[in-house]
PDB file of N, CA and C in Angstrom:
ATOM      1  N   LEU A   1       8.668   2.587   2.980  1.00  0.00           N
ATOM      2  CA  LEU A   1       7.397   1.903   2.877  1.00  0.00           C
ATOM      3  C   LEU A   1       6.301   2.578   3.702  1.00  0.00           C
ATOM      4  N   TRP A   2       6.678   3.527   4.551  1.00  0.00           N
ATOM      5  CA  TRP A   2       5.670   4.223   5.349  1.00  0.00           C
ATOM      6  C   TRP A   2       4.886   5.210   4.513  1.00  0.00           C
ATOM      7  N   SER A   3       5.525   5.746   3.483  1.00  0.00           N
ATOM      8  CA  SER A   3       4.852   6.822   2.750  1.00  0.00           C
ATOM      9  C   SER A   3       4.448   6.381   1.353  1.00  0.00           C
ATOM     10  N   PHE A   4       3.329   6.910   0.939  1.00  0.00           N
ATOM     11  CA  PHE A   4       2.824   6.694  -0.405  1.00  0.00           C
ATOM     12  C   PHE A   4       1.831   7.815  -0.664  1.00  0.00           C
ATOM     13  N   PRO A   5       1.499   8.067  -1.917  1.00  0.00           N
ATOM     14  CA  PRO A   5       0.604   9.196  -2.223  1.00  0.00           C
ATOM     15  C   PRO A   5      -0.786   9.012  -1.619  1.00  0.00           C
ATOM     16  N   TYR A   6      -1.249  10.043  -0.987  1.00  0.00           N
ATOM     17  CA  TYR A   6      -2.612  10.046  -0.459  1.00  0.00           C
ATOM     18  C   TYR A   6      -3.540  10.681  -1.485  1.00  0.00           C
ATOM     19  N   PRO A   7      -4.822  10.381  -1.407  1.00  0.00           N
ATOM     20  CA  PRO A   7      -5.764  11.046  -2.322  1.00  0.00           C
ATOM     21  C   PRO A   7      -5.769  12.553  -2.079  1.00  0.00           C
ATOM     22  N   ASP A   8      -6.172  13.274  -3.079  1.00  0.00           N
ATOM     23  CA  ASP A   8      -6.315  14.720  -2.964  1.00  0.00           C
ATOM     24  C   ASP A   8      -7.246  15.033  -1.794  1.00  0.00           C
ATOM     25  N   PRO A   9      -6.940  16.075  -1.015  1.00  0.00           N
ATOM     26  CA  PRO A   9      -7.811  16.424   0.122  1.00  0.00           C
ATOM     27  C   PRO A   9      -9.270  16.654  -0.269  1.00  0.00           C
ATOM     28  N   GLU A  10      -9.503  17.038  -1.504  1.00  0.00           N
ATOM     29  CA  GLU A  10     -10.872  17.256  -1.969  1.00  0.00           C
ATOM     30  C   GLU A  10     -11.589  15.937  -2.296  1.00  0.00           C
ATOM     31  N   GLU A  11     -10.804  14.864  -2.471  1.00  0.00           N
ATOM     32  CA  GLU A  11     -11.379  13.566  -2.796  1.00  0.00           C
ATOM     33  C   GLU A  11     -11.763  12.846  -1.503  1.00  0.00           C
ATOM     34  N   GLU A  12     -13.001  12.424  -1.399  1.00  0.00           N
ATOM     35  CA  GLU A  12     -13.456  11.746  -0.198  1.00  0.00           C
ATOM     36  C   GLU A  12     -13.329  10.235  -0.348  1.00  0.00           C
ATOM     37  N   ILE A  13     -12.963   9.591   0.744  1.00  0.00           N
ATOM     38  CA  ILE A  13     -12.949   8.140   0.805  1.00  0.00           C
ATOM     39  C   ILE A  13     -14.170   7.749   1.617  1.00  0.00           C
ATOM     40  N   GLU A  14     -15.039   6.966   1.033  1.00  0.00           N
ATOM     41  CA  GLU A  14     -16.257   6.574   1.733  1.00  0.00           C
ATOM     42  C   GLU A  14     -15.939   5.679   2.918  1.00  0.00           C
ATOM     43  N   LEU A  15     -16.707   5.844   3.966  1.00  0.00           N
ATOM     44  CA  LEU A  15     -16.584   5.001   5.135  1.00  0.00           C
ATOM     45  C   LEU A  15     -16.765   3.548   4.721  1.00  0.00           C
ATOM     46  N   GLY A  16     -15.816   2.719   5.049  1.00  0.00           N
ATOM     47  CA  GLY A  16     -15.885   1.306   4.685  1.00  0.00           C
ATOM     48  C   GLY A  16     -15.086   0.936   3.444  1.00  0.00           C
ATOM     49  N   ASP A  17     -14.673   1.935   2.635  1.00  0.00           N
ATOM     50  CA  ASP A  17     -13.845   1.640   1.469  1.00  0.00           C
ATOM     51  C   ASP A  17     -12.458   1.202   1.934  1.00  0.00           C
ATOM     52  N   PHE A  18     -11.802   0.404   1.128  1.00  0.00           N
ATOM     53  CA  PHE A  18     -10.456  -0.033   1.469  1.00  0.00           C
ATOM     54  C   PHE A  18      -9.520   0.182   0.299  1.00  0.00           C
ATOM     55  N   GLY A  19      -8.218   0.203   0.608  1.00  0.00           N
ATOM     56  CA  GLY A  19      -7.198   0.385  -0.411  1.00  0.00           C
ATOM     57  C   GLY A  19      -6.642  -0.961  -0.841  1.00  0.00           C
ATOM     58  N   VAL A  20      -6.280  -1.062  -2.109  1.00  0.00           N
ATOM     59  CA  VAL A  20      -5.713  -2.310  -2.636  1.00  0.00           C
ATOM     60  C   VAL A  20      -4.373  -1.967  -3.284  1.00  0.00           C
ATOM     61  N   LEU A  21      -3.331  -2.662  -2.841  1.00  0.00           N
ATOM     62  CA  LEU A  21      -1.981  -2.445  -3.353  1.00  0.00           C
ATOM     63  C   LEU A  21      -1.426  -3.766  -3.857  1.00  0.00           C
ATOM     64  N   GLY A  22      -0.602  -3.717  -4.881  1.00  0.00           N
ATOM     65  CA  GLY A  22       0.101  -4.915  -5.313  1.00  0.00           C
ATOM     66  C   GLY A  22      -0.492  -5.615  -6.514  1.00  0.00           C
ATOM     67  N   ALA A  23      -0.263  -6.923  -6.553  1.00  0.00           N
ATOM     68  CA  ALA A  23      -0.573  -7.754  -7.719  1.00  0.00           C
ATOM     69  C   ALA A  23      -2.068  -7.848  -8.002  1.00  0.00           C
ATOM     70  N   LYS A  24      -2.393  -7.892  -9.280  1.00  0.00           N
ATOM     71  CA  LYS A  24      -3.789  -8.052  -9.717  1.00  0.00           C
ATOM     72  C   LYS A  24      -4.221  -9.514  -9.638  1.00  0.00           C
ATOM     73  N   ASP A  25      -3.308 -10.426  -9.888  1.00  0.00           N
ATOM     74  CA  ASP A  25      -3.593 -11.867  -9.852  1.00  0.00           C
ATOM     75  C   ASP A  25      -2.610 -12.510  -8.870  1.00  0.00           C
ATOM     76  N   PRO A  26      -2.849 -12.332  -7.557  1.00  0.00           N
ATOM     77  CA  PRO A  26      -1.839 -12.704  -6.568  1.00  0.00           C
ATOM     78  C   PRO A  26      -1.804 -14.195  -6.232  1.00  0.00           C
ATOM     79  N   ASP A  27      -0.653 -14.595  -5.688  1.00  0.00           N
ATOM     80  CA  ASP A  27      -0.517 -15.926  -5.091  1.00  0.00           C
ATOM     81  C   ASP A  27      -1.066 -15.898  -3.663  1.00  0.00           C
ATOM     82  N   LEU A  28      -1.020 -14.712  -3.049  1.00  0.00           N
ATOM     83  CA  LEU A  28      -1.413 -14.540  -1.656  1.00  0.00           C
ATOM     84  C   LEU A  28      -1.988 -13.143  -1.475  1.00  0.00           C
ATOM     85  N   THR A  29      -3.062 -13.043  -0.687  1.00  0.00           N
ATOM     86  CA  THR A  29      -3.644 -11.746  -0.360  1.00  0.00           C
ATOM     87  C   THR A  29      -3.552 -11.547   1.143  1.00  0.00           C
ATOM     88  N   ILE A  30      -3.030 -10.392   1.544  1.00  0.00           N
ATOM     89  CA  ILE A  30      -2.928 -10.027   2.958  1.00  0.00           C
ATOM     90  C   ILE A  30      -3.994  -8.976   3.236  1.00  0.00           C
ATOM     91  N   VAL A  31      -4.849  -9.232   4.231  1.00  0.00           N
ATOM     92  CA  VAL A  31      -5.850  -8.258   4.658  1.00  0.00           C
ATOM     93  C   VAL A  31      -5.339  -7.647   5.953  1.00  0.00           C
ATOM     94  N   THR A  32      -5.255  -6.321   5.990  1.00  0.00           N
ATOM     95  CA  THR A  32      -4.621  -5.648   7.112  1.00  0.00           C
ATOM     96  C   THR A  32      -5.330  -4.355   7.453  1.00  0.00           C
ATOM     97  N   TYR A  33      -4.879  -3.736   8.533  1.00  0.00           N
ATOM     98  CA  TYR A  33      -5.465  -2.483   9.013  1.00  0.00           C
ATOM     99  C   TYR A  33      -4.398  -1.704   9.776  1.00  0.00           C
ATOM    100  N   GLY A  34      -4.456  -0.393   9.673  1.00  0.00           N
ATOM    101  CA  GLY A  34      -3.591   0.477  10.474  1.00  0.00           C
ATOM    102  C   GLY A  34      -2.117   0.219  10.242  1.00  0.00           C
ATOM    103  N   ASN A  35      -1.364   0.095  11.337  1.00  0.00           N
ATOM    104  CA  ASN A  35       0.076  -0.108  11.273  1.00  0.00           C
ATOM    105  C   ASN A  35       0.438  -1.413  10.570  1.00  0.00           C
ATOM    106  N   GLY A  36      -0.496  -2.354  10.526  1.00  0.00           N
ATOM    107  CA  GLY A  36      -0.256  -3.611   9.830  1.00  0.00           C
ATOM    108  C   GLY A  36       0.001  -3.422   8.348  1.00  0.00           C
ATOM    109  N   THR A  37      -0.476  -2.319   7.785  1.00  0.00           N
ATOM    110  CA  THR A  37      -0.235  -2.040   6.364  1.00  0.00           C
ATOM    111  C   THR A  37       1.257  -1.878   6.100  1.00  0.00           C
ATOM    112  N   PHE A  38       1.949  -1.173   6.995  1.00  0.00           N
ATOM    113  CA  PHE A  38       3.398  -0.999   6.863  1.00  0.00           C
ATOM    114  C   PHE A  38       4.102  -2.347   6.944  1.00  0.00           C
ATOM    115  N   TYR A  39       3.760  -3.141   7.952  1.00  0.00           N
ATOM    116  CA  TYR A  39       4.407  -4.443   8.117  1.00  0.00           C
ATOM    117  C   TYR A  39       4.057  -5.389   6.967  1.00  0.00           C
ATOM    118  N   SER A  40       2.860  -5.289   6.456  1.00  0.00           N
ATOM    119  CA  SER A  40       2.466  -6.100   5.306  1.00  0.00           C
ATOM    120  C   SER A  40       3.274  -5.717   4.076  1.00  0.00           C
ATOM    121  N   SER A  41       3.582  -4.434   3.919  1.00  0.00           N
ATOM    122  CA  SER A  41       4.422  -3.975   2.802  1.00  0.00           C
ATOM    123  C   SER A  41       5.825  -4.542   2.919  1.00  0.00           C
ATOM    124  N   GLN A  42       6.336  -4.617   4.152  1.00  0.00           N
ATOM    125  CA  GLN A  42       7.657  -5.221   4.363  1.00  0.00           C
ATOM    126  C   GLN A  42       7.620  -6.708   4.007  1.00  0.00           C
ATOM    127  N   ALA A  43       6.581  -7.399   4.450  1.00  0.00           N
ATOM    128  CA  ALA A  43       6.446  -8.829   4.160  1.00  0.00           C
ATOM    129  C   ALA A  43       6.305  -9.063   2.660  1.00  0.00           C
ATOM    130  N   GLU A  44       5.535  -8.197   1.991  1.00  0.00           N
ATOM    131  CA  GLU A  44       5.345  -8.321   0.533  1.00  0.00           C
ATOM    132  C   GLU A  44       6.675  -8.253  -0.179  1.00  0.00           C
ATOM    133  N   LYS A  45       7.528  -7.328   0.228  1.00  0.00           N
ATOM    134  CA  LYS A  45       8.835  -7.165  -0.424  1.00  0.00           C
ATOM    135  C   LYS A  45       9.693  -8.418  -0.244  1.00  0.00           C
ATOM    136  N   VAL A  46       9.729  -8.952   0.957  1.00  0.00           N
ATOM    137  CA  VAL A  46      10.518 -10.159   1.224  1.00  0.00           C
ATOM    138  C   VAL A  46       9.979 -11.340   0.437  1.00  0.00           C
ATOM    139  N   LEU A  47       8.670 -11.546   0.462  1.00  0.00           N
ATOM    140  CA  LEU A  47       8.068 -12.682  -0.246  1.00  0.00           C
ATOM    141  C   LEU A  47       8.240 -12.568  -1.757  1.00  0.00           C
ATOM    142  N   ARG A  48       8.175 -11.341  -2.278  1.00  0.00           N
ATOM    143  CA  ARG A  48       8.361 -11.137  -3.715  1.00  0.00           C
ATOM    144  C   ARG A  48       9.804 -11.400  -4.109  1.00  0.00           C
ATOM    145  N   GLU A  49      10.759 -10.829  -3.358  1.00  0.00           N
ATOM    146  CA  GLU A  49      12.170 -10.938  -3.726  1.00  0.00           C
ATOM    147  C   GLU A  49      12.761 -12.320  -3.446  1.00  0.00           C
ATOM    148  N   LYS A  50      12.414 -12.925  -2.310  1.00  0.00           N
ATOM    149  CA  LYS A  50      13.035 -14.195  -1.921  1.00  0.00           C
ATOM    150  C   LYS A  50      12.267 -15.420  -2.384  1.00  0.00           C
ATOM    151  N   GLU A  51      10.955 -15.310  -2.485  1.00  0.00           N
ATOM    152  CA  GLU A  51      10.138 -16.479  -2.834  1.00  0.00           C
ATOM    153  C   GLU A  51       9.486 -16.370  -4.207  1.00  0.00           C
ATOM    154  N   GLY A  52       9.550 -15.184  -4.820  1.00  0.00           N
ATOM    155  CA  GLY A  52       8.957 -14.996  -6.140  1.00  0.00           C
ATOM    156  C   GLY A  52       7.438 -14.979  -6.145  1.00  0.00           C
ATOM    157  N   LEU A  53       6.836 -14.686  -4.985  1.00  0.00           N
ATOM    158  CA  LEU A  53       5.374 -14.672  -4.887  1.00  0.00           C
ATOM    159  C   LEU A  53       4.799 -13.314  -5.289  1.00  0.00           C
ATOM    160  N   LYS A  54       3.603 -13.361  -5.854  1.00  0.00           N
ATOM    161  CA  LYS A  54       2.851 -12.137  -6.164  1.00  0.00           C
ATOM    162  C   LYS A  54       1.868 -11.917  -5.015  1.00  0.00           C
ATOM    163  N   ILE A  55       1.955 -10.735  -4.403  1.00  0.00           N
ATOM    164  CA  ILE A  55       1.168 -10.445  -3.213  1.00  0.00           C
ATOM    165  C   ILE A  55       0.258  -9.247  -3.460  1.00  0.00           C
ATOM    166  N   LYS A  56      -0.958  -9.350  -2.952  1.00  0.00           N
ATOM    167  CA  LYS A  56      -1.890  -8.221  -2.934  1.00  0.00           C
ATOM    168  C   LYS A  56      -2.129  -7.867  -1.473  1.00  0.00           C
ATOM    169  N   ILE A  57      -2.151  -6.562  -1.171  1.00  0.00           N
ATOM    170  CA  ILE A  57      -2.432  -6.098   0.180  1.00  0.00           C
ATOM    171  C   ILE A  57      -3.745  -5.329   0.151  1.00  0.00           C
ATOM    172  N   VAL A  58      -4.676  -5.731   1.009  1.00  0.00           N
ATOM    173  CA  VAL A  58      -5.945  -5.029   1.149  1.00  0.00           C
ATOM    174  C   VAL A  58      -5.900  -4.299   2.493  1.00  0.00           C
ATOM    175  N   ASP A  59      -5.853  -2.975   2.438  1.00  0.00           N
ATOM    176  CA  ASP A  59      -5.825  -2.130   3.636  1.00  0.00           C
ATOM    177  C   ASP A  59      -7.255  -1.725   3.956  1.00  0.00           C
ATOM    178  N   LEU A  60      -7.798  -2.254   5.050  1.00  0.00           N
ATOM    179  CA  LEU A  60      -9.197  -2.000   5.384  1.00  0.00           C
ATOM    180  C   LEU A  60      -9.496  -0.526   5.634  1.00  0.00           C
ATOM    181  N   ARG A  61      -8.529   0.229   6.157  1.00  0.00           N
ATOM    182  CA  ARG A  61      -8.676   1.657   6.474  1.00  0.00           C
ATOM    183  C   ARG A  61      -9.668   1.932   7.597  1.00  0.00           C
ATOM    184  N   TRP A  62     -10.689   1.134   7.726  1.00  0.00           N
ATOM    185  CA  TRP A  62     -11.708   1.293   8.771  1.00  0.00           C
ATOM    186  C   TRP A  62     -11.949  -0.065   9.408  1.00  0.00           C
ATOM    187  N   ILE A  63     -12.266  -0.074  10.673  1.00  0.00           N
ATOM    188  CA  ILE A  63     -12.640  -1.331  11.317  1.00  0.00           C
ATOM    189  C   ILE A  63     -14.134  -1.579  11.119  1.00  0.00           C
ATOM    190  N   ALA A  64     -14.896  -0.509  11.095  1.00  0.00           N
ATOM    191  CA  ALA A  64     -16.343  -0.649  10.893  1.00  0.00           C
ATOM    192  C   ALA A  64     -16.857   0.607  10.210  1.00  0.00           C
ATOM    193  N   PRO A  65     -17.723   0.517   9.271  1.00  0.00           N
ATOM    194  CA  PRO A  65     -18.263  -0.723   8.709  1.00  0.00           C
ATOM    195  C   PRO A  65     -17.293  -1.322   7.698  1.00  0.00           C
ATOM    196  N   ILE A  66     -17.429  -2.602   7.486  1.00  0.00           N
ATOM    197  CA  ILE A  66     -16.644  -3.288   6.453  1.00  0.00           C
ATOM    198  C   ILE A  66     -17.627  -3.736   5.373  1.00  0.00           C
ATOM    199  N   HIS A  67     -17.312  -3.437   4.135  1.00  0.00           N
ATOM    200  CA  HIS A  67     -18.129  -3.903   3.014  1.00  0.00           C
ATOM    201  C   HIS A  67     -17.720  -5.346   2.725  1.00  0.00           C
ATOM    202  N   TRP A  68     -18.389  -6.285   3.395  1.00  0.00           N
ATOM    203  CA  TRP A  68     -18.018  -7.693   3.327  1.00  0.00           C
ATOM    204  C   TRP A  68     -18.073  -8.267   1.918  1.00  0.00           C
ATOM    205  N   GLU A  69     -19.064  -7.890   1.139  1.00  0.00           N
ATOM    206  CA  GLU A  69     -19.177  -8.425  -0.230  1.00  0.00           C
ATOM    207  C   GLU A  69     -17.994  -7.970  -1.084  1.00  0.00           C
ATOM    208  N   ALA A  70     -17.634  -6.692  -0.969  1.00  0.00           N
ATOM    209  CA  ALA A  70     -16.497  -6.167  -1.729  1.00  0.00           C
ATOM    210  C   ALA A  70     -15.192  -6.821  -1.267  1.00  0.00           C
ATOM    211  N   LEU A  71     -15.058  -7.021   0.027  1.00  0.00           N
ATOM    212  CA  LEU A  71     -13.851  -7.670   0.560  1.00  0.00           C
ATOM    213  C   LEU A  71     -13.763  -9.114   0.089  1.00  0.00           C
ATOM    214  N   ALA A  72     -14.870  -9.834   0.123  1.00  0.00           N
ATOM    215  CA  ALA A  72     -14.885 -11.222  -0.349  1.00  0.00           C
ATOM    216  C   ALA A  72     -14.496 -11.299  -1.820  1.00  0.00           C
ATOM    217  N   LYS A  73     -14.964 -10.362  -2.619  1.00  0.00           N
ATOM    218  CA  LYS A  73     -14.621 -10.318  -4.046  1.00  0.00           C
ATOM    219  C   LYS A  73     -13.125 -10.056  -4.234  1.00  0.00           C
ATOM    220  N   GLU A  74     -12.553  -9.201  -3.381  1.00  0.00           N
ATOM    221  CA  GLU A  74     -11.138  -8.825  -3.477  1.00  0.00           C
ATOM    222  C   GLU A  74     -10.211  -9.990  -3.111  1.00  0.00           C
ATOM    223  N   VAL A  75     -10.639 -10.834  -2.177  1.00  0.00           N
ATOM    224  CA  VAL A  75      -9.779 -11.921  -1.728  1.00  0.00           C
ATOM    225  C   VAL A  75     -10.093 -13.261  -2.398  1.00  0.00           C
ATOM    226  N   LYS A  76     -11.089 -13.291  -3.243  1.00  0.00           N
ATOM    227  CA  LYS A  76     -11.498 -14.532  -3.909  1.00  0.00           C
ATOM    228  C   LYS A  76     -10.369 -15.149  -4.706  1.00  0.00           C
TER     229      LYS A  76
END
């Protein structure tokens, strides 16, 4: 769960953009940052397998700036 494909080195990630992993229509959304992304992936697996929940993980990638409108739309 620590590794996953990174964008091509030529592809830039804008400051404030975040990554979204998991379900499109989730029962629960986890908003996380840094090492919490790994732990959130572990929690997602347990909740999916044992509880049958659909989970979305939003990895902030940056602490600041945060695009609040985009984040609110993602967790709505």
